[in-house]
């Protein structure tokens, strides 16, 4: 099937295609959600130092950085479903080998293998949805995708807590998550869009195609990983208990998942650039309000729930803008650039926010998150005004367009 044929699908074919890939993302998210805490807990059990735990945690991100520059051409040649199946097979192999090679050194390599495998369905899934969906429903479809991905991710630690870290059970969960990812894709094999094997843009060119989307990626990586990593630590510093901090983090994630459909619906009704601007301002205001209400249980939970919607909203809106701005033929390479920038943000966020917390404990964390959110809004406003000035110049000087 060509990309053009994907746009000419019947309503039923389009619905089946989108349903398959969105359902598959729950399994992908679950494998992420199990892999990270399982590795950290086993390394702690083996007496590994903190820097090795951090190194293992960073191996999937390293795999993403190394693979994404070449992956769009690979998946364009071998096909969408085939690429996702290959990636899931690599991830499954990694989970199966983990109980066989019970050592820190082996697991660092296996975490790289698992991260490399997951990169295939992550990139292809997002490109698939943006290719197949209609413009009028793009916001809601991408929101459903993000909801599925983060639902699986949030369920991972809960499932791991239920099965424990001993025996084969935790690895079986990882394998089962990959099976759950593949089965819907096989059912939609003939409804997958073809991806361009020879995109005209490189990664830098793709960034220039949709710079506002890239702001969403960077801000999403910063705020998501900043809050996921440090919100419980901030809660302790603010005088709450460890249990309160975990409840706060769970509330943030639940709010992010539940509210994404509202974010997507809004993107289908008003300017998506305006939603990106609003996301930054809302995120900043809610972060300040939640910090001010930290000593009051119900207000802090309500505000943190709403904050979660804004935090995850950066990623959703970024993907929606990407699909709006980028031609179908360039979507895979643009999505690769998007994911690389998201990963860069996920490295920057916890580090800078943690340093800010050390400078002013614990409120430096909130200040850093507010500054990042406002910077995203201001950068978006600047890009919009720059684009408008360029249009005025071209209108006044038609010869520049020839």
Protein backbone atom coordinates (compact mmCIF):
# COMPACT_ATOMS: atom_id res chain seq x y z
CA UNK A 1 0.00 0.00 0.00
CA UNK A 2 1.33 3.43 -0.92
CA UNK A 3 1.06 6.53 1.23
CA UNK A 4 -1.49 7.87 -1.27
CA UNK A 5 -3.58 4.72 -0.89
CA UNK A 6 -3.47 5.21 2.88
CA UNK A 7 -5.10 8.60 2.44
CA UNK A 8 -7.71 7.03 0.13
CA UNK A 9 -8.80 4.37 2.64
CA UNK A 10 -12.46 3.85 3.34
CA UNK A 11 -13.65 5.04 6.74
CA UNK A 12 -13.79 1.43 7.96
CA UNK A 13 -10.26 0.63 6.76
CA UNK A 14 -8.92 3.79 8.36
CA UNK A 15 -10.64 2.99 11.66
CA UNK A 16 -9.28 -0.58 11.70
CA UNK A 17 -5.77 0.57 10.83
CA UNK A 18 -5.71 3.22 13.54
CA UNK A 19 -7.29 0.92 16.13
CA UNK A 20 -4.64 -1.73 15.54
CA UNK A 21 -1.65 0.55 15.98
CA UNK A 22 -3.13 2.45 18.95
CA UNK A 23 -3.97 -0.79 20.79
CA UNK A 24 -0.46 -2.09 20.12
CA UNK A 25 1.09 0.88 21.91
CA UNK A 26 -0.28 -0.29 25.27
CA UNK A 27 2.01 -3.32 25.07
CA UNK A 28 4.94 -1.13 24.05
CA UNK A 29 4.35 1.16 27.02
CA UNK A 30 4.08 -1.83 29.37
CA UNK A 31 7.47 -3.15 28.25
CA UNK A 32 9.00 0.25 29.00
CA UNK A 33 7.24 0.42 32.35
CA UNK A 34 8.51 -3.02 33.41
CA UNK A 35 12.05 -2.80 32.06
CA UNK A 36 13.25 0.31 33.88
CA UNK A 37 12.25 -0.57 37.47
CA UNK A 38 13.17 -4.25 36.99
CA UNK A 39 16.70 -3.29 35.99
CA UNK A 40 17.08 -0.80 38.84
CA UNK A 41 15.80 -3.27 41.46
CA UNK A 42 17.98 -6.14 40.24
CA UNK A 43 21.08 -3.94 40.10
CA UNK A 44 20.35 -2.78 43.64
CA UNK A 45 19.98 -6.43 44.70
CA UNK A 46 23.36 -7.23 43.12
CA UNK A 47 25.02 -4.34 44.95
CA UNK A 48 25.77 -2.29 41.83
CA UNK A 49 26.77 1.35 42.43
CA UNK A 50 24.36 4.12 41.51
CA UNK A 51 26.32 5.19 38.44
CA UNK A 52 25.95 1.72 36.92
CA UNK A 53 22.22 1.76 37.61
CA UNK A 54 22.06 5.11 35.84
CA UNK A 55 24.17 3.79 32.95
CA UNK A 56 21.84 0.84 32.44
CA UNK A 57 18.85 3.17 32.60
CA UNK A 58 20.40 5.32 29.89
CA UNK A 59 21.18 2.48 27.48
CA UNK A 60 17.74 2.50 25.77
CA UNK A 61 18.10 6.25 25.16
CA UNK A 62 21.58 5.67 23.71
CA UNK A 63 20.13 3.04 21.38
CA UNK A 64 17.49 5.55 20.26
CA UNK A 65 20.12 8.20 19.50
CA UNK A 66 22.27 5.79 17.49
CA UNK A 67 19.44 4.17 15.53
CA UNK A 68 17.11 7.03 14.69
CA UNK A 69 19.34 8.78 12.11
CA UNK A 70 19.27 5.67 9.87
CA UNK A 71 15.98 4.06 10.90
CA UNK A 72 13.61 5.98 8.56
CA UNK A 73 15.38 4.59 5.49
CA UNK A 74 15.45 1.08 6.96
CA UNK A 75 11.75 0.98 7.73
CA UNK A 76 10.95 2.59 4.38
CA UNK A 77 12.64 -0.32 2.63
CA UNK A 78 11.29 -3.24 4.67
CA UNK A 79 7.80 -1.94 5.51
CA UNK A 80 5.89 -0.68 8.54
CA UNK A 81 4.57 -3.90 10.07
CA UNK A 82 7.72 -5.85 9.22
CA UNK A 83 9.84 -3.21 10.97
CA UNK A 84 7.67 -3.27 14.07
CA UNK A 85 7.76 -7.07 14.22
CA UNK A 86 11.56 -7.07 13.89
CA UNK A 87 11.84 -4.51 16.69
CA UNK A 88 9.50 -6.47 18.96
CA UNK A 89 11.47 -9.64 18.23
CA UNK A 90 14.72 -7.95 19.31
CA UNK A 91 13.05 -6.71 22.49
CA UNK A 92 11.62 -10.16 23.21
CA UNK A 93 15.07 -11.68 22.76
CA UNK A 94 16.46 -9.18 25.25
CA UNK A 95 13.86 -10.07 27.89
CA UNK A 96 14.42 -13.81 27.33
CA UNK A 97 18.19 -13.46 27.78
CA UNK A 98 17.96 -11.40 30.98
CA UNK A 99 17.29 -14.38 33.30
CA UNK A 100 20.02 -16.36 31.51
CA UNK A 101 22.79 -13.79 31.96
CA UNK A 102 22.38 -12.50 35.51
CA UNK A 103 25.21 -9.97 35.62
CA UNK A 104 25.53 -6.20 35.54
CA UNK A 105 27.70 -6.19 32.41
CA UNK A 106 25.37 -8.46 30.44
CA UNK A 107 22.29 -6.51 31.44
CA UNK A 108 23.79 -3.22 30.30
CA UNK A 109 24.19 -4.73 26.83
CA UNK A 110 20.74 -6.32 26.97
CA UNK A 111 19.15 -3.01 27.93
CA UNK A 112 20.77 -1.53 24.82
CA UNK A 113 19.32 -4.39 22.73
CA UNK A 114 15.87 -3.89 24.25
CA UNK A 115 16.04 -0.14 23.66
CA UNK A 116 17.09 -0.68 20.04
CA UNK A 117 14.19 -3.07 19.50
CA UNK A 118 11.63 -0.73 21.04
CA UNK A 119 12.76 2.12 18.80
CA UNK A 120 11.23 0.39 15.75
CA UNK A 121 7.60 0.23 16.96
CA UNK A 122 7.92 3.61 18.69
CA UNK A 123 8.94 5.43 15.51
CA UNK A 124 6.76 3.45 13.11
CA UNK A 125 3.67 3.65 15.32
CA UNK A 126 3.71 7.43 15.54
CA UNK A 127 4.43 7.81 11.83
CA UNK A 128 1.68 5.30 10.99
CA UNK A 129 -0.98 7.24 12.92
CA UNK A 130 0.03 10.62 11.50
CA UNK A 131 0.01 9.15 7.98
CA UNK A 132 -3.36 7.39 8.13
CA UNK A 133 -5.47 9.75 10.22
CA UNK A 134 -7.54 12.54 8.70
CA UNK A 135 -6.64 16.14 9.46
CA UNK A 136 -9.93 16.74 11.26
CA UNK A 137 -9.31 13.85 13.69
CA UNK A 138 -5.52 14.09 14.03
CA UNK A 139 -5.62 15.60 17.51
CA UNK A 140 -7.89 12.95 18.98
CA UNK A 141 -6.06 10.05 17.31
CA UNK A 142 -2.65 11.18 18.56
CA UNK A 143 -4.16 11.75 22.00
CA UNK A 144 -5.46 8.17 22.06
CA UNK A 145 -2.00 6.98 21.07
CA UNK A 146 -0.34 8.89 23.93
CA UNK A 147 -3.01 7.64 26.34
CA UNK A 148 -2.33 4.04 25.32
CA UNK A 149 1.45 4.42 25.53
CA UNK A 150 1.44 6.00 28.98
CA UNK A 151 -1.27 3.68 30.30
CA UNK A 152 1.04 0.77 29.58
CA UNK A 153 4.01 2.66 31.02
CA UNK A 154 2.14 3.48 34.23
CA UNK A 155 0.90 -0.11 34.58
CA UNK A 156 4.44 -1.51 34.34
CA UNK A 157 5.55 -0.85 37.93
CA UNK A 158 2.19 -2.07 39.26
CA UNK A 159 2.46 -5.34 37.33
CA UNK A 160 6.08 -5.76 38.45
CA UNK A 161 5.03 -5.19 42.05
CA UNK A 162 2.38 -7.91 41.67
CA UNK A 163 4.66 -10.56 40.12
CA UNK A 164 7.88 -9.65 41.95
CA UNK A 165 11.41 -9.63 40.60
CA UNK A 166 12.29 -13.29 41.30
CA UNK A 167 11.90 -16.21 38.92
CA UNK A 168 10.85 -15.96 35.29
CA UNK A 169 7.61 -14.02 35.89
CA UNK A 170 8.92 -10.45 35.39
CA UNK A 171 10.64 -11.43 32.14
CA UNK A 172 7.49 -13.21 30.99
CA UNK A 173 5.64 -9.92 31.46
CA UNK A 174 8.12 -8.23 29.12
CA UNK A 175 7.70 -10.99 26.54
CA UNK A 176 3.92 -10.88 26.91
CA UNK A 177 3.96 -7.12 26.39
CA UNK A 178 5.75 -7.62 23.09
CA UNK A 179 3.25 -10.28 22.02
CA UNK A 180 0.46 -7.83 22.87
CA UNK A 181 2.21 -5.26 20.70
CA UNK A 182 2.58 -7.55 17.68
CA UNK A 183 -0.82 -9.28 17.54
CA UNK A 184 -2.89 -6.19 16.59
CA UNK A 185 -0.30 -5.27 13.97
CA UNK A 186 -0.51 -8.68 12.30
CA UNK A 187 -4.28 -8.26 12.12
CA UNK A 188 -3.78 -4.97 10.26
CA UNK A 189 -0.93 -6.11 8.01
CA UNK A 190 -2.72 -5.07 4.81
CA UNK A 191 -3.83 -1.74 6.27
CA UNK A 192 -0.36 -0.38 7.09
CA UNK A 193 0.84 2.66 5.13
CA UNK A 194 4.02 2.51 3.08
CA UNK A 195 6.78 4.72 4.46
CA UNK A 196 9.05 6.70 2.13
CA UNK A 197 12.38 4.82 1.70
CA UNK A 198 14.19 7.88 0.30
CA UNK A 199 13.08 10.99 2.24
CA UNK A 200 14.36 14.27 0.84
CA UNK A 201 15.10 15.80 4.24
CA UNK A 202 17.80 14.87 6.70
CA UNK A 203 17.28 15.23 10.44
CA UNK A 204 18.20 18.93 10.45
CA UNK A 205 15.97 19.59 7.48
CA UNK A 206 13.13 17.78 9.22
CA UNK A 207 13.56 20.01 12.27
CA UNK A 208 13.17 23.06 10.04
CA UNK A 209 9.94 21.65 8.60
CA UNK A 210 8.19 21.74 11.98
CA UNK A 211 10.18 23.70 14.58
CA UNK A 212 7.16 24.21 16.85
CA UNK A 213 6.65 20.45 16.99
CA UNK A 214 10.28 20.10 18.08
CA UNK A 215 9.66 22.58 20.90
CA UNK A 216 6.89 20.27 22.08
CA UNK A 217 9.27 17.30 21.92
CA UNK A 218 12.01 19.04 23.92
CA UNK A 219 9.61 20.51 26.48
CA UNK A 220 7.87 17.14 26.81
CA UNK A 221 11.12 15.32 27.46
CA UNK A 222 12.23 17.89 30.01
CA UNK A 223 8.99 18.14 31.98
CA UNK A 224 7.97 14.47 31.85
CA UNK A 225 11.28 13.07 33.01
CA UNK A 226 11.80 15.99 35.37
CA UNK A 227 8.53 15.28 37.17
CA UNK A 228 8.78 11.49 36.92
CA UNK A 229 12.29 11.54 38.41
CA UNK A 230 12.08 14.28 41.02
CA UNK A 231 8.47 14.90 42.08
CA UNK A 232 8.68 12.36 44.97
CA UNK A 233 11.98 13.93 46.06
CA UNK A 234 10.41 17.39 45.95
CA UNK A 235 7.49 16.14 48.03
CA UNK A 236 9.86 14.85 50.71
CA UNK A 237 11.68 18.18 50.77
CA UNK A 238 8.37 19.99 51.13
CA UNK A 239 7.57 18.01 54.28
CA UNK A 240 5.41 15.21 52.88
CA UNK A 241 6.01 11.51 53.47
CA UNK A 242 7.45 9.12 50.92
CA UNK A 243 4.00 7.58 50.45
CA UNK A 244 2.53 11.04 49.80
CA UNK A 245 5.19 11.64 47.16
CA UNK A 246 4.35 8.43 45.34
CA UNK A 247 0.64 9.28 45.45
CA UNK A 248 1.48 12.67 43.97
CA UNK A 249 3.46 11.05 41.14
CA UNK A 250 0.65 8.57 40.44
CA UNK A 251 -1.85 11.44 40.39
CA UNK A 252 0.30 13.32 37.88
CA UNK A 253 0.47 10.30 35.58
CA UNK A 254 -3.24 9.50 35.85
CA UNK A 255 -4.10 13.12 35.10
CA UNK A 256 -1.78 13.11 32.13
CA UNK A 257 -3.39 9.99 30.70
CA UNK A 258 -7.03 10.94 31.36
CA UNK A 259 -6.74 14.52 30.10
CA UNK A 260 -4.94 13.79 26.82
CA UNK A 261 -8.15 13.23 24.91
CA UNK A 262 -9.31 16.70 25.94
CA UNK A 263 -5.99 18.10 24.69
CA UNK A 264 -6.41 16.28 21.37
CA UNK A 265 -10.03 17.42 21.05
CA UNK A 266 -8.91 21.01 21.62
CA UNK A 267 -6.27 20.66 18.90
CA UNK A 268 -9.00 19.59 16.47
CA UNK A 269 -11.04 22.69 17.29
CA UNK A 270 -8.57 25.59 17.52
CA UNK A 271 -5.11 26.54 16.28
CA UNK A 272 -2.59 23.89 17.29
CA UNK A 273 0.13 26.50 17.61
CA UNK A 274 -2.10 28.36 20.06
CA UNK A 275 -2.60 25.17 22.07
CA UNK A 276 1.18 24.76 22.30
CA UNK A 277 1.52 28.30 23.62
CA UNK A 278 -1.27 27.73 26.11
CA UNK A 279 0.23 24.43 27.24
CA UNK A 280 3.37 26.16 28.47
CA UNK A 281 1.52 28.88 30.34
CA UNK A 282 -0.96 26.43 31.88
CA UNK A 283 1.88 24.12 32.93
CA UNK A 284 3.70 27.02 34.61
CA UNK A 285 0.61 28.32 36.44
CA UNK A 286 -0.41 24.86 37.65
CA UNK A 287 3.13 24.08 38.84
CA UNK A 288 3.15 27.24 40.95
CA UNK A 289 -0.37 26.62 42.25
CA UNK A 290 0.38 22.99 43.16
CA UNK A 291 3.51 24.08 45.04
CA UNK A 292 1.53 26.74 46.92
CA UNK A 293 -1.07 24.12 47.91
CA UNK A 294 1.44 21.42 48.88
CA UNK A 295 0.28 21.36 52.51
CA UNK A 296 -3.39 20.82 51.60
CA UNK A 297 -4.14 17.29 50.44
CA UNK A 298 -7.18 17.72 48.19
CA UNK A 299 -6.06 20.95 46.44
CA UNK A 300 -2.56 19.60 45.75
CA UNK A 301 -3.97 16.38 44.28
CA UNK A 302 -6.47 18.21 42.07
CA UNK A 303 -3.85 20.66 40.84
CA UNK A 304 -1.30 17.88 40.25
CA UNK A 305 -3.92 15.91 38.30
CA UNK A 306 -4.47 18.91 36.02
CA UNK A 307 -0.73 19.53 35.81
CA UNK A 308 -0.26 16.01 34.46
CA UNK A 309 -2.47 16.87 31.50
CA UNK A 310 -0.27 19.83 30.61
CA UNK A 311 3.00 17.92 31.14
CA UNK A 312 2.04 15.05 28.82
CA UNK A 313 0.30 17.55 26.56
CA UNK A 314 3.59 18.90 25.22
CA UNK A 315 4.34 15.53 23.61
CA UNK A 316 0.81 15.10 22.25
CA UNK A 317 0.58 18.58 20.76
CA UNK A 318 4.08 18.27 19.33
CA UNK A 319 3.11 15.09 17.46
CA UNK A 320 -0.11 16.69 16.24
CA UNK A 321 1.74 19.75 14.91
CA UNK A 322 4.29 17.44 13.29
CA UNK A 323 1.58 15.64 11.34
CA UNK A 324 0.03 18.95 10.34
CA UNK A 325 3.20 20.62 9.06
CA UNK A 326 5.23 17.79 7.53
CA UNK A 327 4.46 16.15 4.15
CA UNK A 328 3.63 12.45 4.36
CA UNK A 329 6.80 11.56 2.45
CA UNK A 330 8.94 13.19 5.16
CA UNK A 331 7.00 12.04 8.23
CA UNK A 332 9.29 9.16 9.20
CA UNK A 333 12.47 11.23 9.22
CA UNK A 334 10.68 14.13 10.92
CA UNK A 335 9.34 11.77 13.59
CA UNK A 336 12.87 10.43 14.08
CA UNK A 337 14.11 13.98 14.70
CA UNK A 338 11.17 14.53 17.07
CA UNK A 339 12.08 11.46 19.14
CA UNK A 340 15.76 12.40 19.27
CA UNK A 341 14.91 15.86 20.58
CA UNK A 342 12.50 14.31 23.08
CA UNK A 343 15.29 12.05 24.33
CA UNK A 344 17.62 15.05 24.60
CA UNK A 345 15.02 16.80 26.73
CA UNK A 346 14.65 13.73 28.92
CA UNK A 347 18.38 13.92 29.67
CA UNK A 348 18.42 17.68 30.27
CA UNK A 349 15.28 17.88 32.43
CA UNK A 350 16.19 15.76 35.47
CA UNK A 351 19.78 17.05 35.52
CA UNK A 352 18.95 20.75 35.43
CA UNK A 353 15.93 20.43 37.72
CA UNK A 354 17.98 18.40 40.20
CA UNK A 355 20.73 21.02 40.19
CA UNK A 356 18.12 23.75 40.72
CA UNK A 357 16.73 21.80 43.68
CA UNK A 358 20.21 21.64 45.20
CA UNK A 359 20.56 25.41 44.87
CA UNK A 360 17.20 26.14 46.52
CA UNK A 361 15.78 23.09 48.24
CA UNK A 362 13.13 22.05 47.42
CA UNK A 363 11.62 24.96 45.51
CA UNK A 364 14.35 25.17 42.88
CA UNK A 365 12.72 22.16 41.23
CA UNK A 366 9.45 24.04 40.74
CA UNK A 367 11.30 27.13 39.49
CA UNK A 368 13.13 25.04 36.89
CA UNK A 369 9.92 23.40 35.67
CA UNK A 370 8.17 26.78 35.44
CA UNK A 371 11.06 28.32 33.50
CA UNK A 372 11.14 25.43 31.03
CA UNK A 373 7.37 25.62 30.47
CA UNK A 374 7.41 29.39 29.93
CA UNK A 375 10.42 29.07 27.63
CA UNK A 376 8.42 26.65 25.45
CA UNK A 377 5.57 29.15 25.15
CA UNK A 378 7.88 32.08 24.45
CA UNK A 379 9.86 30.13 21.84
CA UNK A 380 6.61 29.16 20.10
CA UNK A 381 5.42 32.78 20.07
CA UNK A 382 8.77 33.87 18.61
CA UNK A 383 8.60 31.25 15.85
CA UNK A 384 5.03 32.21 14.96
CA UNK A 385 5.92 35.91 14.78
CA UNK A 386 9.01 35.09 12.70
CA UNK A 387 6.90 33.05 10.30
CA UNK A 388 4.37 35.88 10.03
CA UNK A 389 7.13 38.40 9.28
CA UNK A 390 8.45 36.12 6.56
CA UNK A 391 5.01 35.94 4.96
CA UNK A 392 4.68 39.73 5.01
CA UNK A 393 8.09 40.14 3.40
CA UNK A 394 7.22 37.63 0.66
CA UNK A 395 3.88 39.35 0.05
CA UNK A 396 5.58 42.73 -0.27
CA UNK A 397 8.31 41.29 -2.53
CA UNK A 398 6.81 38.59 -4.76
CA UNK A 399 10.13 38.23 -6.57
CA UNK A 400 11.54 36.53 -3.44
CA UNK A 401 9.16 33.62 -3.97
CA UNK A 402 10.17 33.01 -7.58
